[in-house]
């Protein structure tokens, strides 16, 4: 049995919570200087305090009855790991959403810490 990369395992744990309406799993992974992009915000969010405020507005509102990490890839360079993957979720109403995620983690000196996160929403016609 192949052991899952620690960065992917941390991300998977945070996604499990996220899909139950709890963004705290990601917040607990974040470095204080985290940067964040998503398609519903015009500008980057800088820092854990600002990201926490944004996520608190989403708490309990985002739920998925099923989800899948698709084709994850971790590339390590020194004390940094870059995780990229597709994300497929099915909401409680049955609607499907497809995303692409890029996550940059600091891996040296303790558990992985999320330095930068970028989510892109894929169109419905993209397979």
C-alpha atoms as a PDB file:
ATOM      1  CA  UNK A   1       0.000   0.000   0.000  1.00  0.00           C
ATOM      2  CA  UNK A   2       1.355   3.411  -0.989  1.00  0.00           C
ATOM      3  CA  UNK A   3       1.229   6.088   1.705  1.00  0.00           C
ATOM      4  CA  UNK A   4      -0.491   9.311   0.695  1.00  0.00           C
ATOM      5  CA  UNK A   5       1.739  12.384   0.533  1.00  0.00           C
ATOM      6  CA  UNK A   6       1.321  14.436   3.751  1.00  0.00           C
ATOM      7  CA  UNK A   7       0.265  17.534   1.779  1.00  0.00           C
ATOM      8  CA  UNK A   8      -2.446  15.590  -0.056  1.00  0.00           C
ATOM      9  CA  UNK A   9      -3.582  13.992   3.202  1.00  0.00           C
ATOM     10  CA  UNK A  10      -3.855  17.431   4.856  1.00  0.00           C
ATOM     11  CA  UNK A  11      -5.805  18.793   1.882  1.00  0.00           C
ATOM     12  CA  UNK A  12      -8.144  15.795   1.871  1.00  0.00           C
ATOM     13  CA  UNK A  13      -8.892  16.267   5.570  1.00  0.00           C
ATOM     14  CA  UNK A  14      -9.655  19.961   5.043  1.00  0.00           C
ATOM     15  CA  UNK A  15     -11.916  19.154   2.074  1.00  0.00           C
ATOM     16  CA  UNK A  16     -13.859  16.615   4.138  1.00  0.00           C
ATOM     17  CA  UNK A  17     -14.701  19.380   6.589  1.00  0.00           C
ATOM     18  CA  UNK A  18     -15.318  21.988   3.863  1.00  0.00           C
ATOM     19  CA  UNK A  19     -17.899  19.759   2.179  1.00  0.00           C
ATOM     20  CA  UNK A  20     -19.770  19.546   5.494  1.00  0.00           C
ATOM     21  CA  UNK A  21     -19.927  23.344   5.753  1.00  0.00           C
ATOM     22  CA  UNK A  22     -16.865  23.765   8.002  1.00  0.00           C
ATOM     23  CA  UNK A  23     -14.022  25.890   6.569  1.00  0.00           C
ATOM     24  CA  UNK A  24     -11.915  25.550   9.742  1.00  0.00           C
ATOM     25  CA  UNK A  25      -9.916  22.642   8.324  1.00  0.00           C
ATOM     26  CA  UNK A  26      -8.383  24.950   5.738  1.00  0.00           C
ATOM     27  CA  UNK A  27      -7.949  27.806   8.201  1.00  0.00           C
ATOM     28  CA  UNK A  28      -6.024  25.500  10.537  1.00  0.00           C
ATOM     29  CA  UNK A  29      -3.615  24.662   7.697  1.00  0.00           C
ATOM     30  CA  UNK A  30      -2.929  28.265   6.687  1.00  0.00           C
ATOM     31  CA  UNK A  31       0.240  30.220   7.231  1.00  0.00           C
ATOM     32  CA  UNK A  32      -0.466  33.693   8.698  1.00  0.00           C
ATOM     33  CA  UNK A  33       0.627  35.236   5.357  1.00  0.00           C
ATOM     34  CA  UNK A  34      -1.560  33.011   3.164  1.00  0.00           C
ATOM     35  CA  UNK A  35      -2.703  34.326  -0.217  1.00  0.00           C
ATOM     36  CA  UNK A  36      -6.037  33.247  -1.724  1.00  0.00           C
ATOM     37  CA  UNK A  37      -7.699  33.492  -5.142  1.00  0.00           C
ATOM     38  CA  UNK A  38     -11.160  32.279  -6.121  1.00  0.00           C
ATOM     39  CA  UNK A  39     -13.407  33.069  -9.104  1.00  0.00           C
ATOM     40  CA  UNK A  40     -16.038  34.904  -7.015  1.00  0.00           C
ATOM     41  CA  UNK A  41     -13.672  37.597  -5.721  1.00  0.00           C
ATOM     42  CA  UNK A  42     -12.142  40.307  -7.888  1.00  0.00           C
ATOM     43  CA  UNK A  43      -8.959  40.586  -5.818  1.00  0.00           C
ATOM     44  CA  UNK A  44      -6.605  38.309  -3.916  1.00  0.00           C
ATOM     45  CA  UNK A  45      -7.213  37.890  -0.190  1.00  0.00           C
ATOM     46  CA  UNK A  46      -4.029  38.497   1.800  1.00  0.00           C
ATOM     47  CA  UNK A  47      -3.425  37.019   5.230  1.00  0.00           C
ATOM     48  CA  UNK A  48      -5.132  34.606   7.579  1.00  0.00           C
ATOM     49  CA  UNK A  49      -7.207  37.281   9.305  1.00  0.00           C
ATOM     50  CA  UNK A  50      -8.837  38.402   6.042  1.00  0.00           C
ATOM     51  CA  UNK A  51      -9.297  34.820   4.833  1.00  0.00           C
ATOM     52  CA  UNK A  52     -10.912  33.876   8.142  1.00  0.00           C
ATOM     53  CA  UNK A  53     -13.403  36.730   7.759  1.00  0.00           C
ATOM     54  CA  UNK A  54     -14.223  35.569   4.217  1.00  0.00           C
ATOM     55  CA  UNK A  55     -14.621  31.919   5.241  1.00  0.00           C
ATOM     56  CA  UNK A  56     -16.797  32.803   8.228  1.00  0.00           C
ATOM     57  CA  UNK A  57     -19.266  34.275   5.744  1.00  0.00           C
ATOM     58  CA  UNK A  58     -19.367  30.870   4.027  1.00  0.00           C
ATOM     59  CA  UNK A  59     -19.588  28.720   7.163  1.00  0.00           C
ATOM     60  CA  UNK A  60     -22.483  26.273   6.908  1.00  0.00           C
ATOM     61  CA  UNK A  61     -23.437  27.404   3.388  1.00  0.00           C
ATOM     62  CA  UNK A  62     -21.283  25.098   1.258  1.00  0.00           C
ATOM     63  CA  UNK A  63     -22.096  21.409   1.368  1.00  0.00           C
ATOM     64  CA  UNK A  64     -21.525  18.479  -0.945  1.00  0.00           C
ATOM     65  CA  UNK A  65     -23.153  15.081  -0.719  1.00  0.00           C
ATOM     66  CA  UNK A  66     -20.184  13.607  -2.591  1.00  0.00           C
ATOM     67  CA  UNK A  67     -16.825  14.825  -3.825  1.00  0.00           C
ATOM     68  CA  UNK A  68     -13.650  13.576  -5.436  1.00  0.00           C
ATOM     69  CA  UNK A  69     -10.064  14.717  -5.819  1.00  0.00           C
ATOM     70  CA  UNK A  70      -9.114  14.053  -9.449  1.00  0.00           C
ATOM     71  CA  UNK A  71      -5.565  13.414 -10.668  1.00  0.00           C
ATOM     72  CA  UNK A  72      -3.672  14.945  -7.730  1.00  0.00           C
ATOM     73  CA  UNK A  73      -0.020  15.818  -8.274  1.00  0.00           C
ATOM     74  CA  UNK A  74       2.514  16.952  -5.678  1.00  0.00           C
ATOM     75  CA  UNK A  75       5.811  18.503  -6.770  1.00  0.00           C
ATOM     76  CA  UNK A  76       8.363  19.261  -4.065  1.00  0.00           C
ATOM     77  CA  UNK A  77      11.101  21.863  -4.374  1.00  0.00           C
ATOM     78  CA  UNK A  78      13.162  22.313  -1.226  1.00  0.00           C
ATOM     79  CA  UNK A  79      10.784  23.099   1.644  1.00  0.00           C
ATOM     80  CA  UNK A  80       7.832  23.855  -0.640  1.00  0.00           C
ATOM     81  CA  UNK A  81       5.294  21.450  -2.115  1.00  0.00           C
ATOM     82  CA  UNK A  82       2.898  22.405  -4.898  1.00  0.00           C
ATOM     83  CA  UNK A  83      -0.319  20.402  -4.994  1.00  0.00           C
ATOM     84  CA  UNK A  84      -2.542  20.571  -8.073  1.00  0.00           C
ATOM     85  CA  UNK A  85      -5.728  18.625  -8.686  1.00  0.00           C
ATOM     86  CA  UNK A  86      -9.189  18.625 -10.139  1.00  0.00           C
ATOM     87  CA  UNK A  87     -12.121  18.691  -7.754  1.00  0.00           C
ATOM     88  CA  UNK A  88     -15.541  17.309  -8.575  1.00  0.00           C
ATOM     89  CA  UNK A  89     -18.414  17.831  -6.162  1.00  0.00           C
ATOM     90  CA  UNK A  90     -22.108  17.038  -6.180  1.00  0.00           C
ATOM     91  CA  UNK A  91     -24.217  19.382  -4.100  1.00  0.00           C
ATOM     92  CA  UNK A  92     -27.111  18.400  -1.880  1.00  0.00           C
ATOM     93  CA  UNK A  93     -29.500  19.331  -4.709  1.00  0.00           C
ATOM     94  CA  UNK A  94     -27.641  17.118  -7.196  1.00  0.00           C
ATOM     95  CA  UNK A  95     -25.814  19.873  -9.097  1.00  0.00           C
ATOM     96  CA  UNK A  96     -22.278  19.041 -10.161  1.00  0.00           C
ATOM     97  CA  UNK A  97     -19.352  21.469  -9.977  1.00  0.00           C
ATOM     98  CA  UNK A  98     -15.873  21.023 -11.421  1.00  0.00           C
ATOM     99  CA  UNK A  99     -12.868  22.950 -10.178  1.00  0.00           C
ATOM    100  CA  UNK A 100      -9.112  23.108 -10.577  1.00  0.00           C
ATOM    101  CA  UNK A 101      -7.004  23.847  -7.511  1.00  0.00           C
ATOM    102  CA  UNK A 102      -3.383  24.882  -7.024  1.00  0.00           C
ATOM    103  CA  UNK A 103      -2.085  24.864  -3.456  1.00  0.00           C
ATOM    104  CA  UNK A 104       1.389  25.870  -2.305  1.00  0.00           C
ATOM    105  CA  UNK A 105       2.511  24.422   1.029  1.00  0.00           C
ATOM    106  CA  UNK A 106       5.572  25.032   3.192  1.00  0.00           C
ATOM    107  CA  UNK A 107       6.735  21.577   4.255  1.00  0.00           C
ATOM    108  CA  UNK A 108       9.880  22.224   6.302  1.00  0.00           C
ATOM    109  CA  UNK A 109       9.918  22.562  10.080  1.00  0.00           C
ATOM    110  CA  UNK A 110       6.670  20.858  11.075  1.00  0.00           C
ATOM    111  CA  UNK A 111       3.308  20.030   9.573  1.00  0.00           C
ATOM    112  CA  UNK A 112       2.475  21.384   6.098  1.00  0.00           C
ATOM    113  CA  UNK A 113       1.344  25.040   6.101  1.00  0.00           C
ATOM    114  CA  UNK A 114      -0.739  26.494   3.281  1.00  0.00           C
ATOM    115  CA  UNK A 115       1.027  29.540   1.788  1.00  0.00           C
ATOM    116  CA  UNK A 116      -1.120  30.134  -1.285  1.00  0.00           C
ATOM    117  CA  UNK A 117      -4.375  28.727  -2.637  1.00  0.00           C
ATOM    118  CA  UNK A 118      -5.980  29.276  -6.029  1.00  0.00           C
ATOM    119  CA  UNK A 119      -9.328  27.819  -7.133  1.00  0.00           C
ATOM    120  CA  UNK A 120     -10.689  28.055 -10.689  1.00  0.00           C
ATOM    121  CA  UNK A 121     -14.186  27.016 -11.694  1.00  0.00           C
ATOM    122  CA  UNK A 122     -14.444  24.983 -14.878  1.00  0.00           C
ATOM    123  CA  UNK A 123     -17.305  25.454 -17.310  1.00  0.00           C
ATOM    124  CA  UNK A 124     -20.052  22.833 -17.507  1.00  0.00           C
ATOM    125  CA  UNK A 125     -18.888  21.733 -20.965  1.00  0.00           C
ATOM    126  CA  UNK A 126     -15.354  20.836 -19.820  1.00  0.00           C
ATOM    127  CA  UNK A 127     -14.831  17.124 -19.196  1.00  0.00           C
END
